[in-house]
Amino acid sequence: MTDECVEAEGSGWKKFLKNHWGMAVAAGAAGALLMAGAVLVYLWFAKEAQLSGLVPASLGLWSMGNVVMFCLHLVFWELVLIGIPAAAGAVAGWLWWKRLPEEERKAYRFSDKSSKASRTGSGCSTLLFIAFCIKVYIDGNWNAPIGSYSLDYVVSSVVTILAWGLVIIGIPAAIGGIWYLRREISRTP
């Protein structure tokens, strides 16, 4: 079987799909089921959250506390109902991959690049949301309906959050920059 894998024509993915099409179909079906399951869990939880009184049915009455509690509960149920089966499937796939002979795994060469391509986000929006939650809590608007926030309040909050970010990031960056410049100046003859 190893000889067949090495002799297969094409890229790593073509070789892999030619030799292990059944596993590829199973992985694709499992991925599709997990995605559909995640959407169904989201729809189920949104309905249950309203019926149980966790959140108001009208979005205009939601407070920041409702948003945070809804998100935390949703993440919990997604992890329990979708994350655990996904992790079990990933472990099963990894164990299957490790059972393949070393030569066969090396023959696939899924990536010719030596460095990782970064396609991830910077996390800036998550940090801004957390900072906005802190600002709303400090201002005492945690349980006030979000629909009652004025545009001036939201804009001034965003400006304040950006100023906090500049102070938190800017001061250490300035210290590091000054240290680097002093070091470089002292090294130059």
N, C-alpha and C. Protein backbone atom coordinates (compact mmCIF):
# COMPACT_ATOMS: atom_id res chain seq x y z
N MET A 1 0.83 -1.19 0.00
CA MET A 1 0.00 0.00 0.00
C MET A 1 0.87 1.25 0.00
N THR A 2 2.02 1.19 0.66
CA THR A 2 2.91 2.33 0.70
C THR A 2 3.44 2.65 -0.68
N ASP A 3 3.76 1.62 -1.47
CA ASP A 3 4.26 1.83 -2.82
C ASP A 3 3.22 2.52 -3.69
N GLU A 4 1.94 2.17 -3.51
CA GLU A 4 0.88 2.80 -4.28
C GLU A 4 0.81 4.30 -3.97
N CYS A 5 0.97 4.63 -2.69
CA CYS A 5 0.86 6.03 -2.29
C CYS A 5 1.98 6.86 -2.87
N VAL A 6 3.20 6.31 -2.89
CA VAL A 6 4.33 7.05 -3.40
C VAL A 6 4.23 7.22 -4.91
N GLU A 7 3.68 6.21 -5.57
CA GLU A 7 3.60 6.25 -7.03
C GLU A 7 2.44 7.06 -7.55
N ALA A 8 1.47 7.40 -6.71
CA ALA A 8 0.29 8.15 -7.17
C ALA A 8 0.72 9.50 -7.72
N GLU A 9 0.07 9.92 -8.80
CA GLU A 9 0.41 11.17 -9.47
C GLU A 9 -0.25 12.35 -8.77
N GLY A 10 0.33 13.53 -8.92
CA GLY A 10 -0.31 14.76 -8.46
C GLY A 10 0.23 15.23 -7.13
N SER A 11 -0.47 16.23 -6.59
CA SER A 11 -0.08 16.84 -5.32
C SER A 11 -0.43 15.93 -4.16
N GLY A 12 -0.08 16.40 -2.95
CA GLY A 12 -0.36 15.63 -1.75
C GLY A 12 -1.83 15.35 -1.56
N TRP A 13 -2.66 16.36 -1.83
CA TRP A 13 -4.10 16.17 -1.66
C TRP A 13 -4.64 15.17 -2.67
N LYS A 14 -4.18 15.24 -3.90
CA LYS A 14 -4.65 14.29 -4.91
C LYS A 14 -4.27 12.87 -4.54
N LYS A 15 -3.05 12.68 -4.08
CA LYS A 15 -2.60 11.35 -3.64
C LYS A 15 -3.45 10.87 -2.48
N PHE A 16 -3.65 11.75 -1.52
CA PHE A 16 -4.42 11.38 -0.34
C PHE A 16 -5.85 10.98 -0.71
N LEU A 17 -6.50 11.80 -1.55
CA LEU A 17 -7.88 11.50 -1.93
C LEU A 17 -7.97 10.23 -2.77
N LYS A 18 -6.97 9.97 -3.58
CA LYS A 18 -6.97 8.76 -4.39
C LYS A 18 -6.84 7.51 -3.52
N ASN A 19 -5.99 7.58 -2.51
CA ASN A 19 -5.72 6.40 -1.68
C ASN A 19 -6.68 6.25 -0.51
N HIS A 20 -7.25 7.35 -0.03
CA HIS A 20 -8.10 7.29 1.17
C HIS A 20 -9.39 8.07 0.95
N TRP A 21 -10.05 7.83 -0.16
CA TRP A 21 -11.26 8.58 -0.48
C TRP A 21 -12.36 8.33 0.54
N GLY A 22 -12.44 7.13 1.07
CA GLY A 22 -13.48 6.81 2.05
C GLY A 22 -13.33 7.64 3.32
N MET A 23 -12.10 7.78 3.80
CA MET A 23 -11.86 8.59 4.99
C MET A 23 -12.13 10.06 4.71
N ALA A 24 -11.79 10.52 3.51
CA ALA A 24 -12.04 11.91 3.15
C ALA A 24 -13.54 12.19 3.11
N VAL A 25 -14.31 11.27 2.56
CA VAL A 25 -15.77 11.43 2.52
C VAL A 25 -16.34 11.41 3.94
N ALA A 26 -15.84 10.51 4.77
CA ALA A 26 -16.31 10.44 6.16
C ALA A 26 -15.99 11.73 6.91
N ALA A 27 -14.79 12.27 6.71
CA ALA A 27 -14.41 13.51 7.38
C ALA A 27 -15.27 14.67 6.88
N GLY A 28 -15.52 14.72 5.58
CA GLY A 28 -16.38 15.78 5.04
C GLY A 28 -17.80 15.68 5.57
N ALA A 29 -18.34 14.45 5.64
CA ALA A 29 -19.69 14.27 6.17
C ALA A 29 -19.74 14.64 7.65
N ALA A 30 -18.71 14.27 8.40
CA ALA A 30 -18.67 14.63 9.83
C ALA A 30 -18.61 16.14 9.99
N GLY A 31 -17.81 16.82 9.16
CA GLY A 31 -17.74 18.27 9.23
C GLY A 31 -19.07 18.93 8.91
N ALA A 32 -19.76 18.40 7.89
CA ALA A 32 -21.07 18.95 7.53
C ALA A 32 -22.08 18.74 8.65
N LEU A 33 -22.06 17.55 9.26
CA LEU A 33 -22.97 17.28 10.37
C LEU A 33 -22.68 18.18 11.57
N LEU A 34 -21.41 18.41 11.85
CA LEU A 34 -21.06 19.30 12.96
C LEU A 34 -21.52 20.72 12.70
N MET A 35 -21.36 21.20 11.46
CA MET A 35 -21.80 22.56 11.13
C MET A 35 -23.32 22.68 11.26
N ALA A 36 -24.03 21.69 10.72
CA ALA A 36 -25.49 21.72 10.82
C ALA A 36 -25.92 21.62 12.28
N GLY A 37 -25.25 20.78 13.04
CA GLY A 37 -25.55 20.64 14.46
C GLY A 37 -25.31 21.93 15.22
N ALA A 38 -24.25 22.65 14.89
CA ALA A 38 -23.96 23.91 15.56
C ALA A 38 -25.06 24.93 15.30
N VAL A 39 -25.56 24.98 14.07
CA VAL A 39 -26.65 25.90 13.75
C VAL A 39 -27.92 25.50 14.50
N LEU A 40 -28.20 24.20 14.54
CA LEU A 40 -29.41 23.74 15.24
C LEU A 40 -29.32 24.00 16.75
N VAL A 41 -28.15 23.80 17.34
CA VAL A 41 -27.97 24.10 18.76
C VAL A 41 -28.19 25.59 19.00
N TYR A 42 -27.67 26.43 18.11
CA TYR A 42 -27.86 27.88 18.25
C TYR A 42 -29.34 28.24 18.19
N LEU A 43 -30.07 27.69 17.22
CA LEU A 43 -31.51 27.98 17.11
C LEU A 43 -32.27 27.48 18.33
N TRP A 44 -31.92 26.26 18.79
CA TRP A 44 -32.58 25.70 19.96
C TRP A 44 -32.33 26.58 21.18
N PHE A 45 -31.07 26.97 21.37
CA PHE A 45 -30.74 27.75 22.56
C PHE A 45 -31.39 29.13 22.53
N ALA A 46 -31.44 29.76 21.37
CA ALA A 46 -32.06 31.09 21.28
C ALA A 46 -33.52 31.02 21.69
N LYS A 47 -34.22 29.96 21.27
CA LYS A 47 -35.63 29.81 21.66
C LYS A 47 -35.75 29.53 23.15
N GLU A 48 -34.93 28.61 23.66
CA GLU A 48 -34.98 28.26 25.08
C GLU A 48 -34.60 29.42 25.99
N ALA A 49 -33.65 30.24 25.55
CA ALA A 49 -33.23 31.39 26.37
C ALA A 49 -34.37 32.37 26.54
N GLN A 50 -35.18 32.54 25.51
CA GLN A 50 -36.32 33.45 25.61
C GLN A 50 -37.42 32.83 26.47
N LEU A 51 -37.68 31.54 26.26
CA LEU A 51 -38.75 30.89 27.02
C LEU A 51 -38.42 30.76 28.50
N SER A 52 -37.14 30.57 28.82
CA SER A 52 -36.75 30.41 30.22
C SER A 52 -36.60 31.74 30.94
N GLY A 53 -36.61 32.85 30.21
CA GLY A 53 -36.47 34.16 30.82
C GLY A 53 -35.02 34.59 31.00
N LEU A 54 -34.08 33.86 30.42
CA LEU A 54 -32.68 34.26 30.49
C LEU A 54 -32.47 35.61 29.81
N VAL A 55 -33.18 35.82 28.69
CA VAL A 55 -33.09 37.08 27.96
C VAL A 55 -34.50 37.51 27.56
N PRO A 56 -34.72 38.82 27.40
CA PRO A 56 -36.02 39.29 26.92
C PRO A 56 -36.23 38.90 25.45
N ALA A 57 -37.49 38.75 25.05
CA ALA A 57 -37.80 38.38 23.67
C ALA A 57 -37.52 39.54 22.72
N SER A 58 -37.63 40.77 23.20
CA SER A 58 -37.39 41.95 22.37
C SER A 58 -35.93 42.39 22.51
N LEU A 59 -35.23 42.52 21.39
CA LEU A 59 -33.82 42.91 21.44
C LEU A 59 -33.63 44.29 22.04
N GLY A 60 -34.61 45.16 21.90
CA GLY A 60 -34.49 46.50 22.46
C GLY A 60 -34.44 46.53 23.98
N LEU A 61 -34.85 45.44 24.61
CA LEU A 61 -34.84 45.36 26.07
C LEU A 61 -33.61 44.65 26.63
N TRP A 62 -32.75 44.16 25.75
CA TRP A 62 -31.57 43.45 26.22
C TRP A 62 -30.60 44.43 26.87
N SER A 63 -30.03 44.01 27.98
CA SER A 63 -28.97 44.78 28.63
C SER A 63 -27.63 44.14 28.30
N MET A 64 -26.57 44.80 28.67
CA MET A 64 -25.25 44.22 28.43
C MET A 64 -25.10 42.92 29.22
N GLY A 65 -25.70 42.86 30.39
CA GLY A 65 -25.69 41.63 31.18
C GLY A 65 -26.37 40.49 30.43
N ASN A 66 -27.51 40.80 29.75
CA ASN A 66 -28.19 39.78 28.95
C ASN A 66 -27.31 39.28 27.81
N VAL A 67 -26.60 40.19 27.15
CA VAL A 67 -25.74 39.81 26.03
C VAL A 67 -24.64 38.87 26.51
N VAL A 68 -23.98 39.26 27.61
CA VAL A 68 -22.87 38.45 28.13
C VAL A 68 -23.38 37.09 28.60
N MET A 69 -24.47 37.07 29.34
CA MET A 69 -25.00 35.77 29.84
C MET A 69 -25.46 34.89 28.68
N PHE A 70 -26.10 35.49 27.68
CA PHE A 70 -26.52 34.72 26.51
C PHE A 70 -25.31 34.10 25.81
N CYS A 71 -24.27 34.89 25.62
CA CYS A 71 -23.06 34.39 24.94
C CYS A 71 -22.39 33.29 25.76
N LEU A 72 -22.27 33.49 27.07
CA LEU A 72 -21.63 32.47 27.90
C LEU A 72 -22.40 31.16 27.91
N HIS A 73 -23.73 31.24 28.05
CA HIS A 73 -24.55 30.03 28.02
C HIS A 73 -24.50 29.35 26.65
N LEU A 74 -24.53 30.17 25.59
CA LEU A 74 -24.47 29.60 24.24
C LEU A 74 -23.15 28.88 24.01
N VAL A 75 -22.05 29.48 24.43
CA VAL A 75 -20.74 28.83 24.28
C VAL A 75 -20.72 27.52 25.06
N PHE A 76 -21.28 27.51 26.27
CA PHE A 76 -21.32 26.28 27.06
C PHE A 76 -22.06 25.17 26.32
N TRP A 77 -23.27 25.47 25.82
CA TRP A 77 -24.05 24.43 25.15
C TRP A 77 -23.44 24.00 23.83
N GLU A 78 -22.82 24.93 23.11
CA GLU A 78 -22.12 24.55 21.87
C GLU A 78 -20.95 23.63 22.19
N LEU A 79 -20.21 23.94 23.25
CA LEU A 79 -19.09 23.07 23.63
C LEU A 79 -19.57 21.69 24.06
N VAL A 80 -20.63 21.65 24.85
CA VAL A 80 -21.12 20.36 25.35
C VAL A 80 -21.71 19.52 24.22
N LEU A 81 -22.56 20.11 23.40
CA LEU A 81 -23.28 19.33 22.40
C LEU A 81 -22.54 19.17 21.07
N ILE A 82 -21.65 20.09 20.74
CA ILE A 82 -20.93 20.02 19.46
C ILE A 82 -19.43 19.86 19.68
N GLY A 83 -18.87 20.57 20.63
CA GLY A 83 -17.43 20.55 20.85
C GLY A 83 -16.90 19.20 21.29
N ILE A 84 -17.60 18.51 22.17
CA ILE A 84 -17.14 17.20 22.64
C ILE A 84 -17.15 16.18 21.50
N PRO A 85 -18.25 16.07 20.72
CA PRO A 85 -18.18 15.15 19.58
C PRO A 85 -17.12 15.55 18.54
N ALA A 86 -16.92 16.85 18.33
CA ALA A 86 -15.89 17.30 17.39
C ALA A 86 -14.51 16.91 17.88
N ALA A 87 -14.27 17.08 19.17
CA ALA A 87 -12.97 16.69 19.74
C ALA A 87 -12.76 15.18 19.64
N ALA A 88 -13.81 14.41 19.89
CA ALA A 88 -13.69 12.95 19.77
C ALA A 88 -13.40 12.56 18.33
N GLY A 89 -14.05 13.21 17.37
CA GLY A 89 -13.78 12.94 15.96
C GLY A 89 -12.38 13.33 15.56
N ALA A 90 -11.89 14.47 16.09
CA ALA A 90 -10.53 14.91 15.78
C ALA A 90 -9.51 13.93 16.35
N VAL A 91 -9.75 13.44 17.55
CA VAL A 91 -8.83 12.45 18.14
C VAL A 91 -8.86 11.16 17.32
N ALA A 92 -10.04 10.72 16.90
CA ALA A 92 -10.13 9.51 16.08
C ALA A 92 -9.40 9.70 14.75
N GLY A 93 -9.54 10.87 14.13
CA GLY A 93 -8.83 11.15 12.88
C GLY A 93 -7.32 11.20 13.08
N TRP A 94 -6.89 11.78 14.17
CA TRP A 94 -5.46 11.84 14.47
C TRP A 94 -4.89 10.45 14.71
N LEU A 95 -5.64 9.62 15.45
CA LEU A 95 -5.18 8.25 15.69
C LEU A 95 -5.11 7.47 14.38
N TRP A 96 -6.09 7.68 13.49
CA TRP A 96 -6.06 7.02 12.19
C TRP A 96 -4.83 7.48 11.40
N TRP A 97 -4.56 8.77 11.41
CA TRP A 97 -3.42 9.34 10.69
C TRP A 97 -2.11 8.77 11.23
N LYS A 98 -2.01 8.63 12.55
CA LYS A 98 -0.80 8.10 13.15
C LYS A 98 -0.61 6.61 12.85
N ARG A 99 -1.67 5.89 12.51
CA ARG A 99 -1.55 4.46 12.17
C ARG A 99 -1.02 4.26 10.77
N LEU A 100 -1.07 5.31 9.94
CA LEU A 100 -0.49 5.19 8.59
C LEU A 100 1.02 5.08 8.71
N PRO A 101 1.65 4.35 7.81
CA PRO A 101 3.12 4.25 7.85
C PRO A 101 3.76 5.64 7.67
N GLU A 102 4.90 5.81 8.30
CA GLU A 102 5.62 7.09 8.27
C GLU A 102 5.94 7.52 6.85
N GLU A 103 6.36 6.56 6.01
CA GLU A 103 6.71 6.90 4.62
C GLU A 103 5.49 7.41 3.86
N GLU A 104 4.35 6.81 4.11
CA GLU A 104 3.13 7.23 3.42
C GLU A 104 2.74 8.65 3.85
N ARG A 105 2.83 8.95 5.14
CA ARG A 105 2.50 10.29 5.61
C ARG A 105 3.44 11.34 5.01
N LYS A 106 4.71 11.02 4.93
CA LYS A 106 5.68 11.95 4.36
C LYS A 106 5.46 12.13 2.86
N ALA A 107 4.97 11.09 2.18
CA ALA A 107 4.78 11.16 0.73
C ALA A 107 3.69 12.15 0.34
N TYR A 108 2.75 12.43 1.24
CA TYR A 108 1.65 13.33 0.88
C TYR A 108 2.10 14.78 0.77
N ARG A 109 3.02 15.23 1.59
CA ARG A 109 3.52 16.60 1.54
C ARG A 109 2.39 17.61 1.35
N PHE A 110 1.54 17.76 2.33
CA PHE A 110 0.39 18.66 2.20
C PHE A 110 0.80 20.11 2.08
N SER A 111 1.94 20.47 2.62
CA SER A 111 2.39 21.86 2.53
C SER A 111 3.86 21.88 2.19
N ASP A 112 4.19 22.63 1.13
CA ASP A 112 5.58 22.80 0.75
C ASP A 112 6.21 24.00 1.43
N LYS A 113 5.41 24.79 2.12
CA LYS A 113 5.90 26.00 2.75
C LYS A 113 6.58 25.65 4.08
N SER A 114 7.66 26.35 4.37
CA SER A 114 8.34 26.13 5.64
C SER A 114 7.77 27.01 6.74
N SER A 115 7.10 28.09 6.37
CA SER A 115 6.53 28.99 7.37
C SER A 115 5.01 28.89 7.35
N LYS A 116 4.43 29.26 8.47
CA LYS A 116 2.98 29.23 8.58
C LYS A 116 2.38 30.48 7.95
N ALA A 117 1.30 30.30 7.24
CA ALA A 117 0.56 31.46 6.71
C ALA A 117 -0.44 31.87 7.79
N SER A 118 -0.43 33.13 8.12
CA SER A 118 -1.31 33.61 9.17
C SER A 118 -2.63 34.08 8.56
N ARG A 119 -3.68 33.34 8.86
CA ARG A 119 -5.01 33.72 8.38
C ARG A 119 -5.93 34.01 9.56
N THR A 120 -5.35 34.11 10.74
CA THR A 120 -6.17 34.34 11.91
C THR A 120 -6.38 35.83 12.12
N GLY A 121 -7.41 36.15 12.85
CA GLY A 121 -7.67 37.54 13.18
C GLY A 121 -6.75 38.00 14.29
N SER A 122 -6.74 39.28 14.51
CA SER A 122 -5.86 39.82 15.53
C SER A 122 -6.49 39.78 16.92
N GLY A 123 -7.76 39.52 16.99
CA GLY A 123 -8.43 39.51 18.28
C GLY A 123 -8.83 40.90 18.74
N CYS A 124 -8.64 41.88 17.86
CA CYS A 124 -8.93 43.27 18.22
C CYS A 124 -10.41 43.47 18.54
N SER A 125 -11.28 42.89 17.74
CA SER A 125 -12.71 43.09 17.97
C SER A 125 -13.15 42.47 19.29
N THR A 126 -12.58 41.32 19.64
CA THR A 126 -12.91 40.70 20.93
C THR A 126 -12.44 41.58 22.08
N LEU A 127 -11.22 42.11 21.97
CA LEU A 127 -10.72 42.99 23.02
C LEU A 127 -11.54 44.27 23.12
N LEU A 128 -11.97 44.81 21.98
CA LEU A 128 -12.81 46.01 22.02
C LEU A 128 -14.16 45.71 22.66
N PHE A 129 -14.72 44.53 22.39
CA PHE A 129 -16.00 44.16 23.01
C PHE A 129 -15.84 44.03 24.52
N ILE A 130 -14.77 43.36 24.95
CA ILE A 130 -14.54 43.20 26.39
C ILE A 130 -14.34 44.57 27.03
N ALA A 131 -13.57 45.44 26.39
CA ALA A 131 -13.36 46.79 26.92
C ALA A 131 -14.68 47.56 26.98
N PHE A 132 -15.54 47.40 25.96
CA PHE A 132 -16.84 48.07 25.97
C PHE A 132 -17.69 47.55 27.13
N CYS A 133 -17.66 46.24 27.37
CA CYS A 133 -18.41 45.68 28.50
C CYS A 133 -17.92 46.27 29.82
N ILE A 134 -16.59 46.39 29.97
CA ILE A 134 -16.03 46.97 31.20
C ILE A 134 -16.48 48.42 31.33
N LYS A 135 -16.45 49.17 30.24
CA LYS A 135 -16.85 50.59 30.27
C LYS A 135 -18.33 50.73 30.65
N VAL A 136 -19.17 49.88 30.08
CA VAL A 136 -20.60 49.93 30.41
C VAL A 136 -20.82 49.59 31.88
N TYR A 137 -20.08 48.61 32.38
CA TYR A 137 -20.21 48.22 33.79
C TYR A 137 -19.76 49.36 34.71
N ILE A 138 -18.63 49.98 34.38
CA ILE A 138 -18.11 51.08 35.20
C ILE A 138 -19.09 52.26 35.20
N ASP A 139 -19.72 52.52 34.06
CA ASP A 139 -20.68 53.63 33.96
C ASP A 139 -22.00 53.33 34.65
N GLY A 140 -22.22 52.08 35.07
CA GLY A 140 -23.47 51.73 35.75
C GLY A 140 -24.62 51.43 34.79
N ASN A 141 -24.32 51.17 33.54
CA ASN A 141 -25.36 50.87 32.54
C ASN A 141 -25.48 49.39 32.22
N TRP A 142 -24.99 48.54 33.11
CA TRP A 142 -24.94 47.11 32.85
C TRP A 142 -26.34 46.52 32.63
N ASN A 143 -27.30 46.92 33.43
CA ASN A 143 -28.65 46.37 33.32
C ASN A 143 -29.60 47.28 32.56
N ALA A 144 -29.11 48.37 32.01
CA ALA A 144 -29.95 49.25 31.20
C ALA A 144 -30.13 48.64 29.82
N PRO A 145 -31.32 48.74 29.23
CA PRO A 145 -31.51 48.20 27.88
C PRO A 145 -30.55 48.85 26.87
N ILE A 146 -29.97 48.05 26.02
CA ILE A 146 -29.02 48.55 25.04
C ILE A 146 -29.70 49.55 24.11
N GLY A 147 -30.99 49.34 23.84
CA GLY A 147 -31.73 50.24 22.98
C GLY A 147 -31.83 51.65 23.54
N SER A 148 -31.58 51.81 24.85
CA SER A 148 -31.65 53.14 25.45
C SER A 148 -30.32 53.89 25.37
N TYR A 149 -29.25 53.24 24.91
CA TYR A 149 -27.95 53.93 24.78
C TYR A 149 -28.06 54.95 23.65
N SER A 150 -27.59 56.16 23.93
CA SER A 150 -27.60 57.18 22.88
C SER A 150 -26.36 57.01 22.00
N LEU A 151 -26.42 57.58 20.81
CA LEU A 151 -25.28 57.51 19.90
C LEU A 151 -24.08 58.22 20.51
N ASP A 152 -24.33 59.34 21.20
CA ASP A 152 -23.22 60.06 21.84
C ASP A 152 -22.52 59.18 22.88
N TYR A 153 -23.31 58.41 23.65
CA TYR A 153 -22.72 57.53 24.66
C TYR A 153 -21.85 56.45 24.02
N VAL A 154 -22.34 55.84 22.95
CA VAL A 154 -21.58 54.78 22.29
C VAL A 154 -20.30 55.34 21.67
N VAL A 155 -20.41 56.49 20.99
CA VAL A 155 -19.24 57.09 20.35
C VAL A 155 -18.21 57.51 21.40
N SER A 156 -18.66 58.16 22.47
CA SER A 156 -17.71 58.57 23.51
C SER A 156 -17.09 57.36 24.20
N SER A 157 -17.85 56.28 24.33
CA SER A 157 -17.29 55.06 24.91
C SER A 157 -16.22 54.47 24.01
N VAL A 158 -16.45 54.45 22.71
CA VAL A 158 -15.45 53.92 21.77
C VAL A 158 -14.19 54.77 21.80
N VAL A 159 -14.34 56.10 21.84
CA VAL A 159 -13.18 56.99 21.91
C VAL A 159 -12.42 56.75 23.22
N THR A 160 -13.13 56.61 24.31
CA THR A 160 -12.48 56.34 25.60
C THR A 160 -11.74 55.01 25.57
N ILE A 161 -12.35 54.00 24.98
CA ILE A 161 -11.72 52.68 24.89
C ILE A 161 -10.45 52.75 24.04
N LEU A 162 -10.51 53.47 22.93
CA LEU A 162 -9.32 53.62 22.09
C LEU A 162 -8.22 54.38 22.83
N ALA A 163 -8.61 55.38 23.62
CA ALA A 163 -7.61 56.11 24.41
C ALA A 163 -6.97 55.18 25.45
N TRP A 164 -7.78 54.36 26.12
CA TRP A 164 -7.24 53.38 27.06
C TRP A 164 -6.24 52.46 26.35
N GLY A 165 -6.63 52.00 25.16
CA GLY A 165 -5.76 51.11 24.40
C GLY A 165 -4.44 51.76 24.04
N LEU A 166 -4.50 53.05 23.65
CA LEU A 166 -3.25 53.76 23.33
C LEU A 166 -2.36 53.89 24.56
N VAL A 167 -2.96 54.15 25.71
CA VAL A 167 -2.18 54.28 26.94
C VAL A 167 -1.59 52.92 27.33
N ILE A 168 -2.41 51.88 27.29
CA ILE A 168 -1.96 50.55 27.71
C ILE A 168 -0.89 50.01 26.77
N ILE A 169 -1.04 50.24 25.48
CA ILE A 169 -0.07 49.72 24.51
C ILE A 169 1.04 50.75 24.27
N GLY A 170 0.70 52.04 24.27
CA GLY A 170 1.65 53.09 23.92
C GLY A 170 2.77 53.27 24.93
N ILE A 171 2.47 53.23 26.21
CA ILE A 171 3.50 53.44 27.22
C ILE A 171 4.56 52.33 27.16
N PRO A 172 4.18 51.03 27.18
CA PRO A 172 5.22 50.01 27.04
C PRO A 172 5.96 50.08 25.70
N ALA A 173 5.25 50.44 24.63
CA ALA A 173 5.91 50.56 23.32
C ALA A 173 6.92 51.71 23.34
N ALA A 174 6.57 52.82 23.97
CA ALA A 174 7.50 53.95 24.05
C ALA A 174 8.73 53.58 24.89
N ILE A 175 8.51 52.90 26.00
CA ILE A 175 9.64 52.47 26.83
C ILE A 175 10.54 51.52 26.05
N GLY A 176 9.94 50.56 25.36
CA GLY A 176 10.72 49.62 24.55
C GLY A 176 11.44 50.32 23.42
N GLY A 177 10.80 51.28 22.77
CA GLY A 177 11.43 52.02 21.68
C GLY A 177 12.61 52.85 22.17
N ILE A 178 12.43 53.52 23.30
CA ILE A 178 13.53 54.31 23.86
C ILE A 178 14.68 53.41 24.26
N TRP A 179 14.39 52.30 24.88
CA TRP A 179 15.44 51.34 25.27
C TRP A 179 16.18 50.85 24.03
N TYR A 180 15.44 50.50 22.98
CA TYR A 180 16.08 50.01 21.75
C TYR A 180 16.95 51.08 21.11
N LEU A 181 16.45 52.32 21.04
CA LEU A 181 17.23 53.40 20.45
C LEU A 181 18.50 53.68 21.25
N ARG A 182 18.40 53.71 22.56
CA ARG A 182 19.58 53.94 23.40
C ARG A 182 20.60 52.83 23.22
N ARG A 183 20.14 51.62 23.12
CA ARG A 183 21.03 50.48 22.92
C ARG A 183 21.73 50.59 21.57
N GLU A 184 20.95 50.92 20.52
CA GLU A 184 21.53 51.03 19.19
C GLU A 184 22.51 52.21 19.07
N ILE A 185 22.18 53.34 19.72
CA ILE A 185 23.04 54.50 19.67
C ILE A 185 24.36 54.21 20.39
N SER A 186 24.27 53.53 21.52
CA SER A 186 25.49 53.24 22.28
C SER A 186 26.38 52.21 21.57
N ARG A 187 25.82 51.36 20.70
CA ARG A 187 26.60 50.35 19.97
C ARG A 187 27.28 50.95 18.74
N THR A 188 26.78 52.04 18.23
CA THR A 188 27.34 52.63 17.02
C THR A 188 28.65 53.35 17.37
N PRO A 189 29.76 53.11 16.58
CA PRO A 189 31.05 53.74 16.91
C PRO A 189 31.06 55.24 16.61
